[in-house]
């Protein structure tokens, strides 16, 4: 997804690669801070991928956990591009049906 190997991702701050939709009240930093305070977070955002032109829509999960005797924020990103494309297709189809009636 990020076009790099696992060794380059571990211990990397992912925040600069994530962006929310325009007009969103919360920021990625807000979600990060909630996770630091022990609240798990699930949200949709875009990941800016090195060497790729278009950002990728993802479902993000941030949670604090103990790993090797150290508190970390564990980030999981799931590609939701196919689902977003399907949603868009269904919306277009619905609009076409409405305009035909």
Protein backbone atom coordinates (compact mmCIF):
# COMPACT_ATOMS: atom_id res chain seq x y z
CA UNK A 1 0.00 0.00 0.00
CA UNK A 2 2.76 2.46 0.89
CA UNK A 3 5.17 1.17 -1.75
CA UNK A 4 7.95 0.48 0.75
CA UNK A 5 9.12 -2.52 2.74
CA UNK A 6 8.21 -3.33 6.34
CA UNK A 7 11.59 -2.26 7.75
CA UNK A 8 11.07 1.28 6.45
CA UNK A 9 7.58 1.58 7.96
CA UNK A 10 8.33 0.44 11.51
CA UNK A 11 9.14 3.44 13.74
CA UNK A 12 7.93 5.87 11.07
CA UNK A 13 5.50 8.62 11.99
CA UNK A 14 2.54 8.04 9.70
CA UNK A 15 0.76 11.33 10.52
CA UNK A 16 2.26 13.33 7.63
CA UNK A 17 0.96 10.71 5.17
CA UNK A 18 -2.68 10.89 6.33
CA UNK A 19 -5.22 13.53 5.39
CA UNK A 20 -8.94 13.90 6.02
CA UNK A 21 -11.59 15.10 3.58
CA UNK A 22 -12.02 18.83 3.09
CA UNK A 23 -14.46 20.37 5.54
CA UNK A 24 -13.84 17.75 8.22
CA UNK A 25 -13.96 19.27 11.71
CA UNK A 26 -11.50 16.83 13.28
CA UNK A 27 -7.87 16.49 12.24
CA UNK A 28 -5.63 13.44 12.06
CA UNK A 29 -3.73 14.93 15.01
CA UNK A 30 -7.01 14.94 17.02
CA UNK A 31 -7.43 11.22 16.39
CA UNK A 32 -3.77 10.66 17.31
CA UNK A 33 -4.17 12.54 20.61
CA UNK A 34 -7.25 10.50 21.50
CA UNK A 35 -5.24 7.34 20.89
CA UNK A 36 -2.39 8.63 23.08
CA UNK A 37 -5.01 9.09 25.82
CA UNK A 38 -6.10 5.46 25.46
CA UNK A 39 -9.16 5.88 23.25
CA UNK A 40 -9.25 3.67 20.17
CA UNK A 41 -10.10 5.43 16.93
CA UNK A 42 -11.61 4.31 13.65
CA UNK A 43 -11.97 6.77 10.80
CA UNK A 44 -11.73 7.11 7.06
CA UNK A 45 -9.00 9.22 5.51
CA UNK A 46 -6.63 9.39 2.57
CA UNK A 47 -3.04 8.18 2.58
CA UNK A 48 -0.50 10.07 0.50
CA UNK A 49 1.76 7.44 -0.98
CA UNK A 50 5.32 8.15 -2.04
CA UNK A 51 5.79 7.79 -5.79
CA UNK A 52 2.01 7.71 -6.41
CA UNK A 53 -0.04 10.56 -7.86
CA UNK A 54 -3.45 9.90 -6.33
CA UNK A 55 -4.07 9.48 -2.60
CA UNK A 56 -5.59 6.18 -1.53
CA UNK A 57 -8.79 6.05 0.55
CA UNK A 58 -8.25 3.97 3.68
CA UNK A 59 -9.96 3.00 6.90
CA UNK A 60 -7.58 3.86 9.76
CA UNK A 61 -7.50 2.35 13.21
CA UNK A 62 -5.26 3.91 15.87
CA UNK A 63 -4.84 2.37 19.28
CA UNK A 64 -2.36 2.59 22.12
CA UNK A 65 -0.82 -0.65 23.31
CA UNK A 66 2.16 -2.03 25.17
CA UNK A 67 4.81 -3.48 22.86
CA UNK A 68 8.15 -4.72 24.15
CA UNK A 69 7.62 -2.85 27.45
CA UNK A 70 6.93 0.40 25.61
CA UNK A 71 3.66 2.27 24.97
CA UNK A 72 3.13 2.73 21.24
CA UNK A 73 0.36 3.84 18.91
CA UNK A 74 -0.43 0.92 16.63
CA UNK A 75 -1.77 2.06 13.26
CA UNK A 76 -3.74 -0.21 10.94
CA UNK A 77 -4.69 0.98 7.46
CA UNK A 78 -7.15 -0.92 5.27
CA UNK A 79 -7.55 -0.08 1.57
CA UNK A 80 -11.18 0.88 0.90
CA UNK A 81 -10.74 2.12 -2.68
CA UNK A 82 -12.85 -0.67 -4.20
CA UNK A 83 -15.70 0.00 -1.78
CA UNK A 84 -15.56 3.75 -2.44
CA UNK A 85 -15.62 3.12 -6.19
CA UNK A 86 -18.67 0.86 -5.77
CA UNK A 87 -20.44 3.52 -3.68
CA UNK A 88 -19.77 6.12 -6.36
CA UNK A 89 -21.06 3.81 -9.09
CA UNK A 90 -24.24 3.11 -7.14
CA UNK A 91 -24.82 6.83 -6.56
CA UNK A 92 -24.38 7.58 -10.27
CA UNK A 93 -26.76 4.76 -11.15
CA UNK A 94 -29.35 6.06 -8.67
CA UNK A 95 -29.10 9.59 -10.12
CA UNK A 96 -29.49 8.25 -13.64
CA UNK A 97 -32.63 6.35 -12.63
CA UNK A 98 -34.07 9.43 -10.93
CA UNK A 99 -33.39 11.59 -13.97
CA UNK A 100 -35.04 9.03 -16.29
CA UNK A 101 -38.28 9.03 -14.27
